[in-house]
Amino acid sequence: MLSEEEKNELRQMGKSVRLREEFQMLRQNSQTLERGVGIDELMRWLTAMTQILPSIPPRPFLEYRNVRI
């Protein structure tokens, strides 16, 4: 069950025009993906995402000494 505070928060989120627009955009984008995406469009999207997201430092190499197969 949701608490009254959580219910009120969901009601206020439902009134948000901006949130509705963002969900509509997500829905439209997912429908575009269902129709199929070309390799050029996929590469543009991946390039944009790498520019938006912060770079993650590489993880240190772990050496496993006792490996048995």
PDB file of N, CA and C in Angstrom:
ATOM      1  N   MET A   1       0.836  -1.186   0.000  1.00  0.00           N
ATOM      2  CA  MET A   1       0.000   0.000   0.000  1.00  0.00           C
ATOM      3  C   MET A   1       0.876   1.243   0.000  1.00  0.00           C
ATOM      4  N   LEU A   2       0.347   2.264  -0.614  1.00  0.00           N
ATOM      5  CA  LEU A   2       1.059   3.535  -0.636  1.00  0.00           C
ATOM      6  C   LEU A   2       0.628   4.395   0.540  1.00  0.00           C
ATOM      7  N   SER A   3       1.575   5.139   1.074  1.00  0.00           N
ATOM      8  CA  SER A   3       1.238   6.062   2.153  1.00  0.00           C
ATOM      9  C   SER A   3       0.543   7.281   1.550  1.00  0.00           C
ATOM     10  N   GLU A   4      -0.068   8.090   2.384  1.00  0.00           N
ATOM     11  CA  GLU A   4      -0.737   9.298   1.908  1.00  0.00           C
ATOM     12  C   GLU A   4       0.252  10.245   1.241  1.00  0.00           C
ATOM     13  N   GLU A   5       1.461  10.302   1.786  1.00  0.00           N
ATOM     14  CA  GLU A   5       2.498  11.168   1.205  1.00  0.00           C
ATOM     15  C   GLU A   5       2.849  10.709  -0.211  1.00  0.00           C
ATOM     16  N   GLU A   6       2.984   9.409  -0.401  1.00  0.00           N
ATOM     17  CA  GLU A   6       3.295   8.871  -1.729  1.00  0.00           C
ATOM     18  C   GLU A   6       2.138   9.096  -2.696  1.00  0.00           C
ATOM     19  N   LYS A   7       0.921   8.937  -2.211  1.00  0.00           N
ATOM     20  CA  LYS A   7      -0.249   9.185  -3.062  1.00  0.00           C
ATOM     21  C   LYS A   7      -0.310  10.638  -3.507  1.00  0.00           C
ATOM     22  N   ASN A   8      -0.049  11.558  -2.579  1.00  0.00           N
ATOM     23  CA  ASN A   8      -0.055  12.980  -2.929  1.00  0.00           C
ATOM     24  C   ASN A   8       1.046  13.311  -3.924  1.00  0.00           C
ATOM     25  N   GLU A   9       2.203  12.698  -3.743  1.00  0.00           N
ATOM     26  CA  GLU A   9       3.311  12.926  -4.672  1.00  0.00           C
ATOM     27  C   GLU A   9       2.938  12.453  -6.082  1.00  0.00           C
ATOM     28  N   LEU A  10       2.314  11.292  -6.188  1.00  0.00           N
ATOM     29  CA  LEU A  10       1.887  10.783  -7.496  1.00  0.00           C
ATOM     30  C   LEU A  10       0.820  11.678  -8.118  1.00  0.00           C
ATOM     31  N   ARG A  11      -0.090  12.199  -7.310  1.00  0.00           N
ATOM     32  CA  ARG A  11      -1.119  13.102  -7.827  1.00  0.00           C
ATOM     33  C   ARG A  11      -0.486  14.372  -8.386  1.00  0.00           C
ATOM     34  N   GLN A  12       0.483  14.924  -7.674  1.00  0.00           N
ATOM     35  CA  GLN A  12       1.143  16.135  -8.148  1.00  0.00           C
ATOM     36  C   GLN A  12       1.951  15.865  -9.404  1.00  0.00           C
ATOM     37  N   MET A  13       2.586  14.693  -9.473  1.00  0.00           N
ATOM     38  CA  MET A  13       3.330  14.340 -10.683  1.00  0.00           C
ATOM     39  C   MET A  13       2.379  14.217 -11.864  1.00  0.00           C
ATOM     40  N   GLY A  14       1.173  13.696 -11.623  1.00  0.00           N
ATOM     41  CA  GLY A  14       0.184  13.552 -12.682  1.00  0.00           C
ATOM     42  C   GLY A  14      -0.303  14.883 -13.217  1.00  0.00           C
ATOM     43  N   LYS A  15      -0.226  15.926 -12.408  1.00  0.00           N
ATOM     44  CA  LYS A  15      -0.652  17.255 -12.836  1.00  0.00           C
ATOM     45  C   LYS A  15       0.426  17.999 -13.617  1.00  0.00           C
ATOM     46  N   SER A  16       1.650  17.506 -13.585  1.00  0.00           N
ATOM     47  CA  SER A  16       2.783  18.183 -14.214  1.00  0.00           C
ATOM     48  C   SER A  16       2.714  18.064 -15.735  1.00  0.00           C
ATOM     49  N   VAL A  17       2.610  19.196 -16.408  1.00  0.00           N
ATOM     50  CA  VAL A  17       2.570  19.220 -17.867  1.00  0.00           C
ATOM     51  C   VAL A  17       3.910  18.764 -18.437  1.00  0.00           C
ATOM     52  N   ARG A  18       4.988  19.214 -17.829  1.00  0.00           N
ATOM     53  CA  ARG A  18       6.326  18.854 -18.316  1.00  0.00           C
ATOM     54  C   ARG A  18       6.551  17.350 -18.257  1.00  0.00           C
ATOM     55  N   LEU A  19       6.146  16.732 -17.151  1.00  0.00           N
ATOM     56  CA  LEU A  19       6.314  15.292 -17.001  1.00  0.00           C
ATOM     57  C   LEU A  19       5.506  14.531 -18.046  1.00  0.00           C
ATOM     58  N   ARG A  20       4.293  15.003 -18.308  1.00  0.00           N
ATOM     59  CA  ARG A  20       3.470  14.371 -19.347  1.00  0.00           C
ATOM     60  C   ARG A  20       4.128  14.472 -20.712  1.00  0.00           C
ATOM     61  N   GLU A  21       4.706  15.649 -21.011  1.00  0.00           N
ATOM     62  CA  GLU A  21       5.391  15.825 -22.295  1.00  0.00           C
ATOM     63  C   GLU A  21       6.589  14.894 -22.410  1.00  0.00           C
ATOM     64  N   GLU A  22       7.339  14.728 -21.315  1.00  0.00           N
ATOM     65  CA  GLU A  22       8.506  13.846 -21.342  1.00  0.00           C
ATOM     66  C   GLU A  22       8.094  12.397 -21.557  1.00  0.00           C
ATOM     67  N   PHE A  23       7.031  11.962 -20.894  1.00  0.00           N
ATOM     68  CA  PHE A  23       6.566  10.595 -21.099  1.00  0.00           C
ATOM     69  C   PHE A  23       6.028  10.397 -22.516  1.00  0.00           C
ATOM     70  N   GLN A  24       5.374  11.427 -23.067  1.00  0.00           N
ATOM     71  CA  GLN A  24       4.897  11.329 -24.442  1.00  0.00           C
ATOM     72  C   GLN A  24       6.080  11.206 -25.402  1.00  0.00           C
ATOM     73  N   MET A  25       7.151  11.963 -25.160  1.00  0.00           N
ATOM     74  CA  MET A  25       8.336  11.876 -25.998  1.00  0.00           C
ATOM     75  C   MET A  25       8.962  10.482 -25.894  1.00  0.00           C
ATOM     76  N   LEU A  26       9.028   9.929 -24.679  1.00  0.00           N
ATOM     77  CA  LEU A  26       9.573   8.585 -24.503  1.00  0.00           C
ATOM     78  C   LEU A  26       8.728   7.554 -25.248  1.00  0.00           C
ATOM     79  N   ARG A  27       7.415   7.708 -25.187  1.00  0.00           N
ATOM     80  CA  ARG A  27       6.525   6.780 -25.875  1.00  0.00           C
ATOM     81  C   ARG A  27       6.740   6.852 -27.398  1.00  0.00           C
ATOM     82  N   GLN A  28       6.846   8.073 -27.918  1.00  0.00           N
ATOM     83  CA  GLN A  28       7.066   8.236 -29.362  1.00  0.00           C
ATOM     84  C   GLN A  28       8.407   7.652 -29.781  1.00  0.00           C
ATOM     85  N   ASN A  29       9.438   7.860 -28.968  1.00  0.00           N
ATOM     86  CA  ASN A  29      10.756   7.320 -29.294  1.00  0.00           C
ATOM     87  C   ASN A  29      10.760   5.798 -29.258  1.00  0.00           C
ATOM     88  N   SER A  30      10.038   5.212 -28.314  1.00  0.00           N
ATOM     89  CA  SER A  30      10.002   3.753 -28.258  1.00  0.00           C
ATOM     90  C   SER A  30       9.237   3.182 -29.444  1.00  0.00           C
ATOM     91  N   GLN A  31       8.230   3.898 -29.911  1.00  0.00           N
ATOM     92  CA  GLN A  31       7.499   3.441 -31.094  1.00  0.00           C
ATOM     93  C   GLN A  31       8.384   3.532 -32.326  1.00  0.00           C
ATOM     94  N   THR A  32       9.249   4.534 -32.383  1.00  0.00           N
ATOM     95  CA  THR A  32      10.192   4.649 -33.490  1.00  0.00           C
ATOM     96  C   THR A  32      11.136   3.451 -33.487  1.00  0.00           C
ATOM     97  N   LEU A  33      11.584   3.039 -32.314  1.00  0.00           N
ATOM     98  CA  LEU A  33      12.481   1.884 -32.222  1.00  0.00           C
ATOM     99  C   LEU A  33      11.781   0.608 -32.678  1.00  0.00           C
ATOM    100  N   GLU A  34      10.500   0.479 -32.380  1.00  0.00           N
ATOM    101  CA  GLU A  34       9.769  -0.717 -32.786  1.00  0.00           C
ATOM    102  C   GLU A  34       9.678  -0.818 -34.304  1.00  0.00           C
ATOM    103  N   ARG A  35       9.617   0.328 -34.975  1.00  0.00           N
ATOM    104  CA  ARG A  35       9.541   0.321 -36.439  1.00  0.00           C
ATOM    105  C   ARG A  35      10.882  -0.033 -37.071  1.00  0.00           C
ATOM    106  N   GLY A  36      11.930   0.073 -36.323  1.00  0.00           N
ATOM    107  CA  GLY A  36      13.260  -0.251 -36.843  1.00  0.00           C
ATOM    108  C   GLY A  36      14.109   0.997 -36.971  1.00  0.00           C
ATOM    109  N   VAL A  37      15.352   0.878 -36.601  1.00  0.00           N
ATOM    110  CA  VAL A  37      16.272   2.007 -36.635  1.00  0.00           C
ATOM    111  C   VAL A  37      17.433   1.639 -37.545  1.00  0.00           C
ATOM    112  N   GLY A  38      17.787   2.564 -38.415  1.00  0.00           N
ATOM    113  CA  GLY A  38      18.916   2.346 -39.302  1.00  0.00           C
ATOM    114  C   GLY A  38      20.229   2.489 -38.556  1.00  0.00           C
ATOM    115  N   ILE A  39      21.280   1.954 -39.133  1.00  0.00           N
ATOM    116  CA  ILE A  39      22.588   1.985 -38.480  1.00  0.00           C
ATOM    117  C   ILE A  39      23.099   3.411 -38.321  1.00  0.00           C
ATOM    118  N   ASP A  40      22.805   4.295 -39.287  1.00  0.00           N
ATOM    119  CA  ASP A  40      23.259   5.685 -39.175  1.00  0.00           C
ATOM    120  C   ASP A  40      22.580   6.394 -38.006  1.00  0.00           C
ATOM    121  N   GLU A  41      21.279   6.171 -37.863  1.00  0.00           N
ATOM    122  CA  GLU A  41      20.559   6.796 -36.768  1.00  0.00           C
ATOM    123  C   GLU A  41      21.030   6.245 -35.419  1.00  0.00           C
ATOM    124  N   LEU A  42      21.292   4.952 -35.365  1.00  0.00           N
ATOM    125  CA  LEU A  42      21.797   4.346 -34.135  1.00  0.00           C
ATOM    126  C   LEU A  42      23.158   4.927 -33.763  1.00  0.00           C
ATOM    127  N   MET A  43      24.037   5.097 -34.734  1.00  0.00           N
ATOM    128  CA  MET A  43      25.364   5.653 -34.455  1.00  0.00           C
ATOM    129  C   MET A  43      25.267   7.099 -33.988  1.00  0.00           C
ATOM    130  N   ARG A  44      24.354   7.887 -34.569  1.00  0.00           N
ATOM    131  CA  ARG A  44      24.161   9.270 -34.111  1.00  0.00           C
ATOM    132  C   ARG A  44      23.687   9.288 -32.659  1.00  0.00           C
ATOM    133  N   TRP A  45      22.762   8.371 -32.330  1.00  0.00           N
ATOM    134  CA  TRP A  45      22.248   8.309 -30.969  1.00  0.00           C
ATOM    135  C   TRP A  45      23.347   7.908 -29.987  1.00  0.00           C
ATOM    136  N   LEU A  46      24.123   6.889 -30.339  1.00  0.00           N
ATOM    137  CA  LEU A  46      25.205   6.449 -29.461  1.00  0.00           C
ATOM    138  C   LEU A  46      26.243   7.545 -29.264  1.00  0.00           C
ATOM    139  N   THR A  47      26.554   8.276 -30.317  1.00  0.00           N
ATOM    140  CA  THR A  47      27.504   9.375 -30.220  1.00  0.00           C
ATOM    141  C   THR A  47      26.976  10.460 -29.295  1.00  0.00           C
ATOM    142  N   ALA A  48      25.699  10.794 -29.438  1.00  0.00           N
ATOM    143  CA  ALA A  48      25.093  11.809 -28.576  1.00  0.00           C
ATOM    144  C   ALA A  48      25.100  11.357 -27.124  1.00  0.00           C
ATOM    145  N   MET A  49      24.796  10.094 -26.875  1.00  0.00           N
ATOM    146  CA  MET A  49      24.761   9.599 -25.503  1.00  0.00           C
ATOM    147  C   MET A  49      26.142   9.621 -24.862  1.00  0.00           C
ATOM    148  N   THR A  50      27.186   9.321 -25.623  1.00  0.00           N
ATOM    149  CA  THR A  50      28.531   9.357 -25.045  1.00  0.00           C
ATOM    150  C   THR A  50      28.952  10.782 -24.723  1.00  0.00           C
ATOM    151  N   GLN A  51      28.405  11.754 -25.442  1.00  0.00           N
ATOM    152  CA  GLN A  51      28.726  13.149 -25.140  1.00  0.00           C
ATOM    153  C   GLN A  51      27.960  13.643 -23.925  1.00  0.00           C
ATOM    154  N   ILE A  52      26.764  13.105 -23.696  1.00  0.00           N
ATOM    155  CA  ILE A  52      25.928  13.543 -22.581  1.00  0.00           C
ATOM    156  C   ILE A  52      26.379  12.913 -21.274  1.00  0.00           C
ATOM    157  N   LEU A  53      26.617  11.612 -21.308  1.00  0.00           N
ATOM    158  CA  LEU A  53      26.929  10.877 -20.088  1.00  0.00           C
ATOM    159  C   LEU A  53      28.373  11.123 -19.657  1.00  0.00           C
ATOM    160  N   PRO A  54      28.606  11.169 -18.369  1.00  0.00           N
ATOM    161  CA  PRO A  54      29.989  11.346 -17.903  1.00  0.00           C
ATOM    162  C   PRO A  54      30.813  10.104 -18.202  1.00  0.00           C
ATOM    163  N   SER A  55      32.074  10.314 -18.447  1.00  0.00           N
ATOM    164  CA  SER A  55      32.927   9.162 -18.724  1.00  0.00           C
ATOM    165  C   SER A  55      33.193   8.398 -17.430  1.00  0.00           C
ATOM    166  N   ILE A  56      33.218   7.110 -17.541  1.00  0.00           N
ATOM    167  CA  ILE A  56      33.437   6.241 -16.390  1.00  0.00           C
ATOM    168  C   ILE A  56      34.872   5.732 -16.461  1.00  0.00           C
ATOM    169  N   PRO A  57      35.635   5.912 -15.393  1.00  0.00           N
ATOM    170  CA  PRO A  57      37.019   5.443 -15.429  1.00  0.00           C
ATOM    171  C   PRO A  57      37.063   3.920 -15.550  1.00  0.00           C
ATOM    172  N   PRO A  58      38.053   3.401 -16.263  1.00  0.00           N
ATOM    173  CA  PRO A  58      38.141   1.948 -16.416  1.00  0.00           C
ATOM    174  C   PRO A  58      38.392   1.260 -15.081  1.00  0.00           C
ATOM    175  N   ARG A  59      37.860   0.071 -14.975  1.00  0.00           N
ATOM    176  CA  ARG A  59      38.039  -0.704 -13.746  1.00  0.00           C
ATOM    177  C   ARG A  59      39.418  -1.353 -13.758  1.00  0.00           C
ATOM    178  N   PRO A  60      40.006  -1.523 -12.591  1.00  0.00           N
ATOM    179  CA  PRO A  60      41.329  -2.153 -12.537  1.00  0.00           C
ATOM    180  C   PRO A  60      41.234  -3.625 -12.939  1.00  0.00           C
ATOM    181  N   PHE A  61      42.299  -4.100 -13.548  1.00  0.00           N
ATOM    182  CA  PHE A  61      42.359  -5.490 -13.977  1.00  0.00           C
ATOM    183  C   PHE A  61      42.509  -6.396 -12.765  1.00  0.00           C
ATOM    184  N   LEU A  62      41.693  -7.444 -12.711  1.00  0.00           N
ATOM    185  CA  LEU A  62      41.782  -8.416 -11.626  1.00  0.00           C
ATOM    186  C   LEU A  62      42.461  -9.673 -12.155  1.00  0.00           C
ATOM    187  N   GLU A  63      43.502 -10.062 -11.488  1.00  0.00           N
ATOM    188  CA  GLU A  63      44.222 -11.265 -11.913  1.00  0.00           C
ATOM    189  C   GLU A  63      43.777 -12.429 -11.046  1.00  0.00           C
ATOM    190  N   TYR A  64      43.262 -13.451 -11.677  1.00  0.00           N
ATOM    191  CA  TYR A  64      42.842 -14.645 -10.974  1.00  0.00           C
ATOM    192  C   TYR A  64      43.969 -15.686 -11.050  1.00  0.00           C
ATOM    193  N   ARG A  65      44.498 -16.056  -9.925  1.00  0.00           N
ATOM    194  CA  ARG A  65      45.648 -16.960  -9.912  1.00  0.00           C
ATOM    195  C   ARG A  65      45.239 -18.429  -9.806  1.00  0.00           C
ATOM    196  N   ASN A  66      44.159 -18.714  -9.125  1.00  0.00           N
ATOM    197  CA  ASN A  66      43.739 -20.109  -8.921  1.00  0.00           C
ATOM    198  C   ASN A  66      42.460 -20.385  -9.725  1.00  0.00           C
ATOM    199  N   VAL A  67      42.620 -20.539 -11.020  1.00  0.00           N
ATOM    200  CA  VAL A  67      41.473 -20.798 -11.886  1.00  0.00           C
ATOM    201  C   VAL A  67      41.542 -22.245 -12.343  1.00  0.00           C
ATOM    202  N   ARG A  68      40.470 -22.972 -12.128  1.00  0.00           N
ATOM    203  CA  ARG A  68      40.404 -24.362 -12.577  1.00  0.00           C
ATOM    204  C   ARG A  68      39.181 -24.539 -13.455  1.00  0.00           C
ATOM    205  N   ILE A  69      39.398 -25.195 -14.516  1.00  0.00           N
ATOM    206  CA  ILE A  69      38.301 -25.423 -15.466  1.00  0.00           C
ATOM    207  C   ILE A  69      37.913 -26.890 -15.450  1.00  0.00           C
TER     208      ILE A  69
END
